[in-house]
Amino acid sequence: MDRIPILRLGRVLLASIQQELTDDIALALQQDLTEMAAAGADGVIIDISGVDVVDSFLARVLSEIAAAARMLAGETVVAGMRPSVAITLVEMGLSLRGLRTARSLSDALSALGLGEARIQGRS
């Protein structure tokens, strides 16, 4: 089964989704992010700039990732949502409970109180 790679940037986890997700891949991402967050992470960024469609199942999985990260003392930010995805979510009456959104990866890092200097170990 394919898996979404997860990068650790200091105490932040970054999952960049560059393909459409099957239910199995989405569930594997949820499990992988939760396990990695339990090992110590202050935040999770999920980059969905490569996703054209977010259905109710994926919206639920993203919300559950955020809930698990919060329980493990972290925060989740979804970055790179396309306008068409946002429109579809609104039309379907879906919300991404517990998730903050950001236009870009840079904005997501800022939302978590991290900038490029902090990621690189400078203060």
PDB file of N, CA and C in Angstrom:
ATOM      1  N   MET A   1       0.844  -1.176   0.000  1.00  0.00           N
ATOM      2  CA  MET A   1       0.000   0.000   0.000  1.00  0.00           C
ATOM      3  C   MET A   1       0.892   1.243   0.000  1.00  0.00           C
ATOM      4  N   ASP A   2       0.480   2.247  -0.767  1.00  0.00           N
ATOM      5  CA  ASP A   2       1.191   3.525  -0.779  1.00  0.00           C
ATOM      6  C   ASP A   2       0.996   4.227   0.552  1.00  0.00           C
ATOM      7  N   ARG A   3       1.987   5.021   0.932  1.00  0.00           N
ATOM      8  CA  ARG A   3       1.901   5.820   2.149  1.00  0.00           C
ATOM      9  C   ARG A   3       2.351   7.230   1.823  1.00  0.00           C
ATOM     10  N   ILE A   4       1.840   8.177   2.566  1.00  0.00           N
ATOM     11  CA  ILE A   4       2.242   9.566   2.420  1.00  0.00           C
ATOM     12  C   ILE A   4       3.485   9.766   3.289  1.00  0.00           C
ATOM     13  N   PRO A   5       4.582  10.275   2.702  1.00  0.00           N
ATOM     14  CA  PRO A   5       5.775  10.511   3.524  1.00  0.00           C
ATOM     15  C   PRO A   5       5.524  11.633   4.536  1.00  0.00           C
ATOM     16  N   ILE A   6       6.095  11.463   5.714  1.00  0.00           N
ATOM     17  CA  ILE A   6       5.965  12.461   6.774  1.00  0.00           C
ATOM     18  C   ILE A   6       7.364  12.913   7.162  1.00  0.00           C
ATOM     19  N   LEU A   7       7.590  14.209   7.071  1.00  0.00           N
ATOM     20  CA  LEU A   7       8.877  14.787   7.441  1.00  0.00           C
ATOM     21  C   LEU A   7       8.787  15.397   8.827  1.00  0.00           C
ATOM     22  N   ARG A   8       9.863  15.307   9.584  1.00  0.00           N
ATOM     23  CA  ARG A   8       9.937  15.953  10.893  1.00  0.00           C
ATOM     24  C   ARG A   8      10.813  17.196  10.733  1.00  0.00           C
ATOM     25  N   LEU A   9      10.221  18.359  11.012  1.00  0.00           N
ATOM     26  CA  LEU A   9      10.939  19.633  10.980  1.00  0.00           C
ATOM     27  C   LEU A   9      11.016  20.136  12.413  1.00  0.00           C
ATOM     28  N   GLY A  10      12.061  19.761  13.104  1.00  0.00           N
ATOM     29  CA  GLY A  10      12.121  20.084  14.529  1.00  0.00           C
ATOM     30  C   GLY A  10      11.013  19.336  15.246  1.00  0.00           C
ATOM     31  N   ARG A  11      10.099  20.083  15.877  1.00  0.00           N
ATOM     32  CA  ARG A  11       8.987  19.458  16.603  1.00  0.00           C
ATOM     33  C   ARG A  11       7.670  19.549  15.828  1.00  0.00           C
ATOM     34  N   VAL A  12       7.787  19.753  14.512  1.00  0.00           N
ATOM     35  CA  VAL A  12       6.612  19.820  13.643  1.00  0.00           C
ATOM     36  C   VAL A  12       6.677  18.676  12.635  1.00  0.00           C
ATOM     37  N   LEU A  13       5.537  18.036  12.409  1.00  0.00           N
ATOM     38  CA  LEU A  13       5.432  16.989  11.405  1.00  0.00           C
ATOM     39  C   LEU A  13       4.792  17.577  10.163  1.00  0.00           C
ATOM     40  N   LEU A  14       5.336  17.246   8.999  1.00  0.00           N
ATOM     41  CA  LEU A  14       4.811  17.741   7.734  1.00  0.00           C
ATOM     42  C   LEU A  14       4.462  16.573   6.828  1.00  0.00           C
ATOM     43  N   ALA A  15       3.195  16.492   6.457  1.00  0.00           N
ATOM     44  CA  ALA A  15       2.734  15.498   5.481  1.00  0.00           C
ATOM     45  C   ALA A  15       2.252  16.274   4.266  1.00  0.00           C
ATOM     46  N   SER A  16       2.893  16.046   3.142  1.00  0.00           N
ATOM     47  CA  SER A  16       2.529  16.738   1.908  1.00  0.00           C
ATOM     48  C   SER A  16       1.835  15.740   0.979  1.00  0.00           C
ATOM     49  N   ILE A  17       0.559  15.959   0.774  1.00  0.00           N
ATOM     50  CA  ILE A  17      -0.239  15.047  -0.045  1.00  0.00           C
ATOM     51  C   ILE A  17      -0.219  15.564  -1.474  1.00  0.00           C
ATOM     52  N   GLN A  18       0.396  14.807  -2.345  1.00  0.00           N
ATOM     53  CA  GLN A  18       0.540  15.218  -3.740  1.00  0.00           C
ATOM     54  C   GLN A  18      -0.163  14.249  -4.683  1.00  0.00           C
ATOM     55  N   GLN A  19      -1.183  13.590  -4.173  1.00  0.00           N
ATOM     56  CA  GLN A  19      -1.939  12.634  -4.968  1.00  0.00           C
ATOM     57  C   GLN A  19      -3.341  12.556  -4.387  1.00  0.00           C
ATOM     58  N   GLU A  20      -4.257  12.032  -5.163  1.00  0.00           N
ATOM     59  CA  GLU A  20      -5.593  11.793  -4.624  1.00  0.00           C
ATOM     60  C   GLU A  20      -5.487  10.621  -3.648  1.00  0.00           C
ATOM     61  N   LEU A  21      -6.214  10.706  -2.572  1.00  0.00           N
ATOM     62  CA  LEU A  21      -6.116   9.696  -1.525  1.00  0.00           C
ATOM     63  C   LEU A  21      -7.229   8.670  -1.614  1.00  0.00           C
ATOM     64  N   THR A  22      -6.840   7.425  -1.508  1.00  0.00           N
ATOM     65  CA  THR A  22      -7.832   6.374  -1.309  1.00  0.00           C
ATOM     66  C   THR A  22      -8.145   6.341   0.180  1.00  0.00           C
ATOM     67  N   ASP A  23      -9.216   5.684   0.547  1.00  0.00           N
ATOM     68  CA  ASP A  23      -9.565   5.569   1.964  1.00  0.00           C
ATOM     69  C   ASP A  23      -8.450   4.884   2.742  1.00  0.00           C
ATOM     70  N   ASP A  24      -7.834   3.850   2.159  1.00  0.00           N
ATOM     71  CA  ASP A  24      -6.767   3.121   2.844  1.00  0.00           C
ATOM     72  C   ASP A  24      -5.549   4.006   3.095  1.00  0.00           C
ATOM     73  N   ILE A  25      -5.177   4.822   2.115  1.00  0.00           N
ATOM     74  CA  ILE A  25      -4.020   5.718   2.284  1.00  0.00           C
ATOM     75  C   ILE A  25      -4.335   6.780   3.329  1.00  0.00           C
ATOM     76  N   ALA A  26      -5.562   7.297   3.323  1.00  0.00           N
ATOM     77  CA  ALA A  26      -5.960   8.300   4.315  1.00  0.00           C
ATOM     78  C   ALA A  26      -5.896   7.726   5.729  1.00  0.00           C
ATOM     79  N   LEU A  27      -6.366   6.502   5.904  1.00  0.00           N
ATOM     80  CA  LEU A  27      -6.312   5.861   7.221  1.00  0.00           C
ATOM     81  C   LEU A  27      -4.870   5.589   7.650  1.00  0.00           C
ATOM     82  N   ALA A  28      -4.021   5.180   6.697  1.00  0.00           N
ATOM     83  CA  ALA A  28      -2.609   4.958   7.019  1.00  0.00           C
ATOM     84  C   ALA A  28      -1.947   6.267   7.435  1.00  0.00           C
ATOM     85  N   LEU A  29      -2.294   7.370   6.753  1.00  0.00           N
ATOM     86  CA  LEU A  29      -1.754   8.680   7.120  1.00  0.00           C
ATOM     87  C   LEU A  29      -2.184   9.045   8.537  1.00  0.00           C
ATOM     88  N   GLN A  30      -3.433   8.807   8.861  1.00  0.00           N
ATOM     89  CA  GLN A  30      -3.934   9.092  10.205  1.00  0.00           C
ATOM     90  C   GLN A  30      -3.139   8.308  11.252  1.00  0.00           C
ATOM     91  N   GLN A  31      -2.940   7.033  11.005  1.00  0.00           N
ATOM     92  CA  GLN A  31      -2.205   6.204  11.957  1.00  0.00           C
ATOM     93  C   GLN A  31      -0.748   6.659  12.073  1.00  0.00           C
ATOM     94  N   ASP A  32      -0.101   6.902  10.935  1.00  0.00           N
ATOM     95  CA  ASP A  32       1.307   7.308  10.951  1.00  0.00           C
ATOM     96  C   ASP A  32       1.498   8.640  11.668  1.00  0.00           C
ATOM     97  N   LEU A  33       0.641   9.625  11.369  1.00  0.00           N
ATOM     98  CA  LEU A  33       0.772  10.936  12.015  1.00  0.00           C
ATOM     99  C   LEU A  33       0.522  10.844  13.514  1.00  0.00           C
ATOM    100  N   THR A  34      -0.465  10.067  13.909  1.00  0.00           N
ATOM    101  CA  THR A  34      -0.768   9.921  15.335  1.00  0.00           C
ATOM    102  C   THR A  34       0.389   9.261  16.069  1.00  0.00           C
ATOM    103  N   GLU A  35       0.959   8.214  15.497  1.00  0.00           N
ATOM    104  CA  GLU A  35       2.092   7.540  16.134  1.00  0.00           C
ATOM    105  C   GLU A  35       3.300   8.461  16.240  1.00  0.00           C
ATOM    106  N   MET A  36       3.579   9.212  15.164  1.00  0.00           N
ATOM    107  CA  MET A  36       4.728  10.121  15.189  1.00  0.00           C
ATOM    108  C   MET A  36       4.492  11.284  16.156  1.00  0.00           C
ATOM    109  N   ALA A  37       3.245  11.779  16.228  1.00  0.00           N
ATOM    110  CA  ALA A  37       2.932  12.866  17.163  1.00  0.00           C
ATOM    111  C   ALA A  37       3.093  12.400  18.605  1.00  0.00           C
ATOM    112  N   ALA A  38       2.759  11.143  18.862  1.00  0.00           N
ATOM    113  CA  ALA A  38       2.910  10.600  20.215  1.00  0.00           C
ATOM    114  C   ALA A  38       4.361  10.556  20.644  1.00  0.00           C
ATOM    115  N   ALA A  39       5.262  10.482  19.685  1.00  0.00           N
ATOM    116  CA  ALA A  39       6.693  10.454  19.986  1.00  0.00           C
ATOM    117  C   ALA A  39       7.230  11.857  20.257  1.00  0.00           C
ATOM    118  N   GLY A  40       6.392  12.858  20.128  1.00  0.00           N
ATOM    119  CA  GLY A  40       6.785  14.222  20.445  1.00  0.00           C
ATOM    120  C   GLY A  40       6.704  15.154  19.256  1.00  0.00           C
ATOM    121  N   ALA A  41       5.625  15.921  19.203  1.00  0.00           N
ATOM    122  CA  ALA A  41       5.465  16.937  18.161  1.00  0.00           C
ATOM    123  C   ALA A  41       4.577  18.036  18.712  1.00  0.00           C
ATOM    124  N   ASP A  42       4.933  19.264  18.430  1.00  0.00           N
ATOM    125  CA  ASP A  42       4.123  20.396  18.864  1.00  0.00           C
ATOM    126  C   ASP A  42       3.089  20.778  17.814  1.00  0.00           C
ATOM    127  N   GLY A  43       3.290  20.302  16.598  1.00  0.00           N
ATOM    128  CA  GLY A  43       2.360  20.652  15.547  1.00  0.00           C
ATOM    129  C   GLY A  43       2.430  19.687  14.387  1.00  0.00           C
ATOM    130  N   VAL A  44       1.334  19.691  13.626  1.00  0.00           N
ATOM    131  CA  VAL A  44       1.224  18.871  12.424  1.00  0.00           C
ATOM    132  C   VAL A  44       0.751  19.775  11.305  1.00  0.00           C
ATOM    133  N   ILE A  45       1.448  19.721  10.183  1.00  0.00           N
ATOM    134  CA  ILE A  45       1.014  20.447   8.995  1.00  0.00           C
ATOM    135  C   ILE A  45       0.689  19.414   7.931  1.00  0.00           C
ATOM    136  N   ILE A  46      -0.517  19.543   7.376  1.00  0.00           N
ATOM    137  CA  ILE A  46      -0.927  18.667   6.282  1.00  0.00           C
ATOM    138  C   ILE A  46      -1.107  19.549   5.055  1.00  0.00           C
ATOM    139  N   ASP A  47      -0.208  19.389   4.103  1.00  0.00           N
ATOM    140  CA  ASP A  47      -0.243  20.161   2.859  1.00  0.00           C
ATOM    141  C   ASP A  47      -1.121  19.417   1.865  1.00  0.00           C
ATOM    142  N   ILE A  48      -2.266  20.025   1.515  1.00  0.00           N
ATOM    143  CA  ILE A  48      -3.181  19.369   0.585  1.00  0.00           C
ATOM    144  C   ILE A  48      -3.204  20.077  -0.773  1.00  0.00           C
ATOM    145  N   SER A  49      -2.127  20.765  -1.096  1.00  0.00           N
ATOM    146  CA  SER A  49      -2.083  21.506  -2.362  1.00  0.00           C
ATOM    147  C   SER A  49      -2.189  20.591  -3.580  1.00  0.00           C
ATOM    148  N   GLY A  50      -1.875  19.324  -3.437  1.00  0.00           N
ATOM    149  CA  GLY A  50      -1.969  18.386  -4.545  1.00  0.00           C
ATOM    150  C   GLY A  50      -3.289  17.638  -4.597  1.00  0.00           C
ATOM    151  N   VAL A  51      -4.228  18.011  -3.737  1.00  0.00           N
ATOM    152  CA  VAL A  51      -5.510  17.314  -3.661  1.00  0.00           C
ATOM    153  C   VAL A  51      -6.581  18.117  -4.391  1.00  0.00           C
ATOM    154  N   ASP A  52      -7.247  17.463  -5.334  1.00  0.00           N
ATOM    155  CA  ASP A  52      -8.320  18.117  -6.084  1.00  0.00           C
ATOM    156  C   ASP A  52      -9.689  17.908  -5.454  1.00  0.00           C
ATOM    157  N   VAL A  53      -9.850  16.810  -4.714  1.00  0.00           N
ATOM    158  CA  VAL A  53     -11.158  16.461  -4.161  1.00  0.00           C
ATOM    159  C   VAL A  53     -11.014  16.067  -2.698  1.00  0.00           C
ATOM    160  N   VAL A  54     -11.833  16.682  -1.845  1.00  0.00           N
ATOM    161  CA  VAL A  54     -11.928  16.265  -0.450  1.00  0.00           C
ATOM    162  C   VAL A  54     -13.366  15.830  -0.233  1.00  0.00           C
ATOM    163  N   ASP A  55     -13.559  14.541   0.027  1.00  0.00           N
ATOM    164  CA  ASP A  55     -14.907  14.039   0.278  1.00  0.00           C
ATOM    165  C   ASP A  55     -15.165  14.003   1.781  1.00  0.00           C
ATOM    166  N   SER A  56     -16.366  13.572   2.153  1.00  0.00           N
ATOM    167  CA  SER A  56     -16.727  13.570   3.567  1.00  0.00           C
ATOM    168  C   SER A  56     -15.822  12.650   4.379  1.00  0.00           C
ATOM    169  N   PHE A  57     -15.371  11.546   3.792  1.00  0.00           N
ATOM    170  CA  PHE A  57     -14.489  10.627   4.514  1.00  0.00           C
ATOM    171  C   PHE A  57     -13.144  11.286   4.808  1.00  0.00           C
ATOM    172  N   LEU A  58     -12.537  11.921   3.802  1.00  0.00           N
ATOM    173  CA  LEU A  58     -11.251  12.579   4.018  1.00  0.00           C
ATOM    174  C   LEU A  58     -11.390  13.748   4.994  1.00  0.00           C
ATOM    175  N   ALA A  59     -12.491  14.497   4.911  1.00  0.00           N
ATOM    176  CA  ALA A  59     -12.719  15.589   5.862  1.00  0.00           C
ATOM    177  C   ALA A  59     -12.778  15.043   7.285  1.00  0.00           C
ATOM    178  N   ARG A  60     -13.443  13.903   7.459  1.00  0.00           N
ATOM    179  CA  ARG A  60     -13.529  13.288   8.788  1.00  0.00           C
ATOM    180  C   ARG A  60     -12.158  12.826   9.269  1.00  0.00           C
ATOM    181  N   VAL A  61     -11.374  12.207   8.382  1.00  0.00           N
ATOM    182  CA  VAL A  61     -10.040  11.736   8.757  1.00  0.00           C
ATOM    183  C   VAL A  61      -9.159  12.924   9.165  1.00  0.00           C
ATOM    184  N   LEU A  62      -9.203  14.019   8.410  1.00  0.00           N
ATOM    185  CA  LEU A  62      -8.407  15.201   8.762  1.00  0.00           C
ATOM    186  C   LEU A  62      -8.823  15.737  10.127  1.00  0.00           C
ATOM    187  N   SER A  63     -10.124  15.774  10.401  1.00  0.00           N
ATOM    188  CA  SER A  63     -10.604  16.234  11.710  1.00  0.00           C
ATOM    189  C   SER A  63     -10.145  15.306  12.830  1.00  0.00           C
ATOM    190  N   GLU A  64     -10.143  14.008  12.565  1.00  0.00           N
ATOM    191  CA  GLU A  64      -9.687  13.046  13.576  1.00  0.00           C
ATOM    192  C   GLU A  64      -8.187  13.158  13.818  1.00  0.00           C
ATOM    193  N   ILE A  65      -7.409  13.444  12.789  1.00  0.00           N
ATOM    194  CA  ILE A  65      -5.971  13.679  12.964  1.00  0.00           C
ATOM    195  C   ILE A  65      -5.773  14.871  13.887  1.00  0.00           C
ATOM    196  N   ALA A  66      -6.536  15.946  13.642  1.00  0.00           N
ATOM    197  CA  ALA A  66      -6.423  17.144  14.479  1.00  0.00           C
ATOM    198  C   ALA A  66      -6.796  16.842  15.926  1.00  0.00           C
ATOM    199  N   ALA A  67      -7.857  16.070  16.125  1.00  0.00           N
ATOM    200  CA  ALA A  67      -8.270  15.725  17.491  1.00  0.00           C
ATOM    201  C   ALA A  67      -7.195  14.912  18.200  1.00  0.00           C
ATOM    202  N   ALA A  68      -6.604  13.952  17.511  1.00  0.00           N
ATOM    203  CA  ALA A  68      -5.542  13.140  18.117  1.00  0.00           C
ATOM    204  C   ALA A  68      -4.323  14.000  18.424  1.00  0.00           C
ATOM    205  N   ALA A  69      -3.953  14.893  17.511  1.00  0.00           N
ATOM    206  CA  ALA A  69      -2.799  15.768  17.749  1.00  0.00           C
ATOM    207  C   ALA A  69      -3.044  16.657  18.967  1.00  0.00           C
ATOM    208  N   ARG A  70      -4.274  17.188  19.104  1.00  0.00           N
ATOM    209  CA  ARG A  70      -4.601  18.024  20.273  1.00  0.00           C
ATOM    210  C   ARG A  70      -4.464  17.228  21.559  1.00  0.00           C
ATOM    211  N   MET A  71      -4.911  15.976  21.545  1.00  0.00           N
ATOM    212  CA  MET A  71      -4.806  15.146  22.748  1.00  0.00           C
ATOM    213  C   MET A  71      -3.350  14.890  23.114  1.00  0.00           C
ATOM    214  N   LEU A  72      -2.489  14.957  22.106  1.00  0.00           N
ATOM    215  CA  LEU A  72      -1.056  14.729  22.327  1.00  0.00           C
ATOM    216  C   LEU A  72      -0.308  16.055  22.418  1.00  0.00           C
ATOM    217  N   ALA A  73      -1.028  17.143  22.730  1.00  0.00           N
ATOM    218  CA  ALA A  73      -0.466  18.478  22.961  1.00  0.00           C
ATOM    219  C   ALA A  73       0.073  19.129  21.701  1.00  0.00           C
ATOM    220  N   GLY A  74      -0.552  18.858  20.585  1.00  0.00           N
ATOM    221  CA  GLY A  74      -0.133  19.485  19.336  1.00  0.00           C
ATOM    222  C   GLY A  74      -1.292  20.173  18.653  1.00  0.00           C
ATOM    223  N   GLU A  75      -0.989  20.893  17.612  1.00  0.00           N
ATOM    224  CA  GLU A  75      -1.998  21.590  16.832  1.00  0.00           C
ATOM    225  C   GLU A  75      -1.831  21.193  15.374  1.00  0.00           C
ATOM    226  N   THR A  76      -2.924  21.180  14.629  1.00  0.00           N
ATOM    227  CA  THR A  76      -2.876  20.787  13.230  1.00  0.00           C
ATOM    228  C   THR A  76      -3.286  21.950  12.343  1.00  0.00           C
ATOM    229  N   VAL A  77      -2.514  22.154  11.272  1.00  0.00           N
ATOM    230  CA  VAL A  77      -2.813  23.182  10.287  1.00  0.00           C
ATOM    231  C   VAL A  77      -2.855  22.512   8.914  1.00  0.00           C
ATOM    232  N   VAL A  78      -3.920  22.778   8.158  1.00  0.00           N
ATOM    233  CA  VAL A  78      -4.017  22.302   6.783  1.00  0.00           C
ATOM    234  C   VAL A  78      -3.602  23.453   5.884  1.00  0.00           C
ATOM    235  N   ALA A  79      -2.633  23.194   5.021  1.00  0.00           N
ATOM    236  CA  ALA A  79      -2.103  24.231   4.138  1.00  0.00           C
ATOM    237  C   ALA A  79      -2.392  23.906   2.683  1.00  0.00           C
ATOM    238  N   GLY A  80      -2.532  24.957   1.880  1.00  0.00           N
ATOM    239  CA  GLY A  80      -2.612  24.791   0.438  1.00  0.00           C
ATOM    240  C   GLY A  80      -3.945  24.327  -0.111  1.00  0.00           C
ATOM    241  N   MET A  81      -5.027  24.588   0.612  1.00  0.00           N
ATOM    242  CA  MET A  81      -6.331  24.163   0.104  1.00  0.00           C
ATOM    243  C   MET A  81      -6.689  24.961  -1.148  1.00  0.00           C
ATOM    244  N   ARG A  82      -7.066  24.245  -2.179  1.00  0.00           N
ATOM    245  CA  ARG A  82      -7.471  24.889  -3.425  1.00  0.00           C
ATOM    246  C   ARG A  82      -8.862  25.506  -3.251  1.00  0.00           C
ATOM    247  N   PRO A  83      -9.128  26.605  -3.951  1.00  0.00           N
ATOM    248  CA  PRO A  83     -10.461  27.208  -3.866  1.00  0.00           C
ATOM    249  C   PRO A  83     -11.582  26.229  -4.206  1.00  0.00           C
ATOM    250  N   SER A  84     -11.376  25.373  -5.184  1.00  0.00           N
ATOM    251  CA  SER A  84     -12.417  24.410  -5.565  1.00  0.00           C
ATOM    252  C   SER A  84     -12.706  23.429  -4.431  1.00  0.00           C
ATOM    253  N   VAL A  85     -11.680  23.072  -3.667  1.00  0.00           N
ATOM    254  CA  VAL A  85     -11.875  22.172  -2.522  1.00  0.00           C
ATOM    255  C   VAL A  85     -12.671  22.883  -1.435  1.00  0.00           C
ATOM    256  N   ALA A  86     -12.329  24.145  -1.169  1.00  0.00           N
ATOM    257  CA  ALA A  86     -13.059  24.914  -0.156  1.00  0.00           C
ATOM    258  C   ALA A  86     -14.531  25.065  -0.548  1.00  0.00           C
ATOM    259  N   ILE A  87     -14.783  25.353  -1.808  1.00  0.00           N
ATOM    260  CA  ILE A  87     -16.157  25.498  -2.290  1.00  0.00           C
ATOM    261  C   ILE A  87     -16.924  24.191  -2.117  1.00  0.00           C
ATOM    262  N   THR A  88     -16.300  23.084  -2.482  1.00  0.00           N
ATOM    263  CA  THR A  88     -16.943  21.777  -2.352  1.00  0.00           C
ATOM    264  C   THR A  88     -17.274  21.470  -0.895  1.00  0.00           C
ATOM    265  N   LEU A  89     -16.343  21.736   0.017  1.00  0.00           N
ATOM    266  CA  LEU A  89     -16.594  21.485   1.436  1.00  0.00           C
ATOM    267  C   LEU A  89     -17.782  22.297   1.927  1.00  0.00           C
ATOM    268  N   VAL A  90     -17.850  23.570   1.528  1.00  0.00           N
ATOM    269  CA  VAL A  90     -18.955  24.424   1.945  1.00  0.00           C
ATOM    270  C   VAL A  90     -20.266  23.919   1.349  1.00  0.00           C
ATOM    271  N   GLU A  91     -20.247  23.571   0.067  1.00  0.00           N
ATOM    272  CA  GLU A  91     -21.466  23.077  -0.586  1.00  0.00           C
ATOM    273  C   GLU A  91     -21.977  21.790   0.051  1.00  0.00           C
ATOM    274  N   MET A  92     -21.055  20.960   0.527  1.00  0.00           N
ATOM    275  CA  MET A  92     -21.437  19.698   1.163  1.00  0.00           C
ATOM    276  C   MET A  92     -21.801  19.893   2.637  1.00  0.00           C
ATOM    277  N   GLY A  93     -21.611  21.099   3.150  1.00  0.00           N
ATOM    278  CA  GLY A  93     -21.913  21.363   4.552  1.00  0.00           C
ATOM    279  C   GLY A  93     -20.897  20.753   5.500  1.00  0.00           C
ATOM    280  N   LEU A  94     -19.677  20.531   5.007  1.00  0.00           N
ATOM    281  CA  LEU A  94     -18.632  19.909   5.827  1.00  0.00           C
ATOM    282  C   LEU A  94     -17.722  20.976   6.424  1.00  0.00           C
ATOM    283  N   SER A  95     -17.301  20.734   7.632  1.00  0.00           N
ATOM    284  CA  SER A  95     -16.304  21.613   8.241  1.00  0.00           C
ATOM    285  C   SER A  95     -15.143  20.749   8.698  1.00  0.00           C
ATOM    286  N   LEU A  96     -14.003  21.354   8.780  1.00  0.00           N
ATOM    287  CA  LEU A  96     -12.812  20.645   9.258  1.00  0.00           C
ATOM    288  C   LEU A  96     -12.620  21.036  10.722  1.00  0.00           C
ATOM    289  N   ARG A  97     -13.413  20.414  11.584  1.00  0.00           N
ATOM    290  CA  ARG A  97     -13.385  20.730  13.003  1.00  0.00           C
ATOM    291  C   ARG A  97     -11.987  20.573  13.592  1.00  0.00           C
ATOM    292  N   GLY A  98     -11.580  21.563  14.364  1.00  0.00           N
ATOM    293  CA  GLY A  98     -10.310  21.485  15.057  1.00  0.00           C
ATOM    294  C   GLY A  98      -9.103  21.789  14.208  1.00  0.00           C
ATOM    295  N   LEU A  99      -9.325  22.146  12.954  1.00  0.00           N
ATOM    296  CA  LEU A  99      -8.213  22.421  12.052  1.00  0.00           C
ATOM    297  C   LEU A  99      -8.095  23.904  11.765  1.00  0.00           C
ATOM    298  N   ARG A 100      -6.894  24.380  11.785  1.00  0.00           N
ATOM    299  CA  ARG A 100      -6.621  25.718  11.277  1.00  0.00           C
ATOM    300  C   ARG A 100      -6.212  25.544   9.827  1.00  0.00           C
ATOM    301  N   THR A 101      -6.414  26.575   9.041  1.00  0.00           N
ATOM    302  CA  THR A 101      -6.001  26.520   7.647  1.00  0.00           C
ATOM    303  C   THR A 101      -5.012  27.631   7.365  1.00  0.00           C
ATOM    304  N   ALA A 102      -4.189  27.410   6.364  1.00  0.00           N
ATOM    305  CA  ALA A 102      -3.196  28.398   5.936  1.00  0.00           C
ATOM    306  C   ALA A 102      -3.062  28.294   4.428  1.00  0.00           C
ATOM    307  N   ARG A 103      -2.751  29.410   3.794  1.00  0.00           N
ATOM    308  CA  ARG A 103      -2.624  29.411   2.334  1.00  0.00           C
ATOM    309  C   ARG A 103      -1.400  28.653   1.846  1.00  0.00           C
ATOM    310  N   SER A 104      -0.333  28.690   2.611  1.00  0.00           N
ATOM    311  CA  SER A 104       0.932  28.097   2.163  1.00  0.00           C
ATOM    312  C   SER A 104       1.636  27.419   3.329  1.00  0.00           C
ATOM    313  N   LEU A 105       2.684  26.691   3.005  1.00  0.00           N
ATOM    314  CA  LEU A 105       3.495  26.056   4.041  1.00  0.00           C
ATOM    315  C   LEU A 105       4.120  27.105   4.958  1.00  0.00           C
ATOM    316  N   SER A 106       4.596  28.187   4.374  1.00  0.00           N
ATOM    317  CA  SER A 106       5.181  29.263   5.165  1.00  0.00           C
ATOM    318  C   SER A 106       4.159  29.841   6.144  1.00  0.00           C
ATOM    319  N   ASP A 107       2.926  30.059   5.666  1.00  0.00           N
ATOM    320  CA  ASP A 107       1.871  30.560   6.543  1.00  0.00           C
ATOM    321  C   ASP A 107       1.529  29.543   7.632  1.00  0.00           C
ATOM    322  N   ALA A 108       1.559  28.268   7.297  1.00  0.00           N
ATOM    323  CA  ALA A 108       1.275  27.220   8.279  1.00  0.00           C
ATOM    324  C   ALA A 108       2.327  27.210   9.389  1.00  0.00           C
ATOM    325  N   LEU A 109       3.587  27.356   9.013  1.00  0.00           N
ATOM    326  CA  LEU A 109       4.653  27.419  10.019  1.00  0.00           C
ATOM    327  C   LEU A 109       4.458  28.630  10.927  1.00  0.00           C
ATOM    328  N   SER A 110       4.090  29.749  10.343  1.00  0.00           N
ATOM    329  CA  SER A 110       3.835  30.956  11.133  1.00  0.00           C
ATOM    330  C   SER A 110       2.648  30.743  12.069  1.00  0.00           C
ATOM    331  N   ALA A 111       1.605  30.056  11.589  1.00  0.00           N
ATOM    332  CA  ALA A 111       0.426  29.791  12.417  1.00  0.00           C
ATOM    333  C   ALA A 111       0.780  28.955  13.642  1.00  0.00           C
ATOM    334  N   LEU A 112       1.800  28.132  13.512  1.00  0.00           N
ATOM    335  CA  LEU A 112       2.253  27.303  14.639  1.00  0.00           C
ATOM    336  C   LEU A 112       3.285  28.035  15.489  1.00  0.00           C
ATOM    337  N   GLY A 113       3.516  29.301  15.165  1.00  0.00           N
ATOM    338  CA  GLY A 113       4.474  30.089  15.934  1.00  0.00           C
ATOM    339  C   GLY A 113       5.908  29.791  15.554  1.00  0.00           C
ATOM    340  N   LEU A 114       6.085  29.231  14.372  1.00  0.00           N
ATOM    341  CA  LEU A 114       7.419  28.880  13.917  1.00  0.00           C
ATOM    342  C   LEU A 114       7.707  29.630  12.627  1.00  0.00           C
ATOM    343  N   GLY A 115       8.889  30.099  12.515  1.00  0.00           N
ATOM    344  CA  GLY A 115       9.327  30.694  11.270  1.00  0.00           C
ATOM    345  C   GLY A 115      10.501  29.900  10.751  1.00  0.00           C
ATOM    346  N   GLU A 116      10.995  30.294   9.634  1.00  0.00           N
ATOM    347  CA  GLU A 116      12.130  29.586   9.039  1.00  0.00           C
ATOM    348  C   GLU A 116      13.336  29.560   9.980  1.00  0.00           C
ATOM    349  N   ALA A 117      13.577  30.661  10.681  1.00  0.00           N
ATOM    350  CA  ALA A 117      14.724  30.724  11.587  1.00  0.00           C
ATOM    351  C   ALA A 117      14.585  29.712  12.730  1.00  0.00           C
ATOM    352  N   ARG A 118      13.374  29.561  13.285  1.00  0.00           N
ATOM    353  CA  ARG A 118      13.170  28.609  14.371  1.00  0.00           C
ATOM    354  C   ARG A 118      13.306  27.179  13.892  1.00  0.00           C
ATOM    355  N   ILE A 119      12.848  26.906  12.668  1.00  0.00           N
ATOM    356  CA  ILE A 119      12.958  25.553  12.106  1.00  0.00           C
ATOM    357  C   ILE A 119      14.424  25.178  11.931  1.00  0.00           C
ATOM    358  N   GLN A 120      15.233  26.142  11.520  1.00  0.00           N
ATOM    359  CA  GLN A 120      16.642  25.883  11.282  1.00  0.00           C
ATOM    360  C   GLN A 120      17.471  25.951  12.566  1.00  0.00           C
ATOM    361  N   GLY A 121      16.811  26.159  13.715  1.00  0.00           N
ATOM    362  CA  GLY A 121      17.515  26.121  14.978  1.00  0.00           C
ATOM    363  C   GLY A 121      18.052  27.473  15.443  1.00  0.00           C
ATOM    364  N   ARG A 122      17.688  28.529  14.755  1.00  0.00           N
ATOM    365  CA  ARG A 122      18.107  29.868  15.186  1.00  0.00           C
ATOM    366  C   ARG A 122      16.979  30.511  15.950  1.00  0.00           C
ATOM    367  N   SER A 123      17.309  31.432  16.836  1.00  0.00           N
ATOM    368  CA  SER A 123      16.270  32.157  17.590  1.00  0.00           C
ATOM    369  C   SER A 123      16.169  33.563  17.110  1.00  0.00           C
TER     370      SER A 123
END
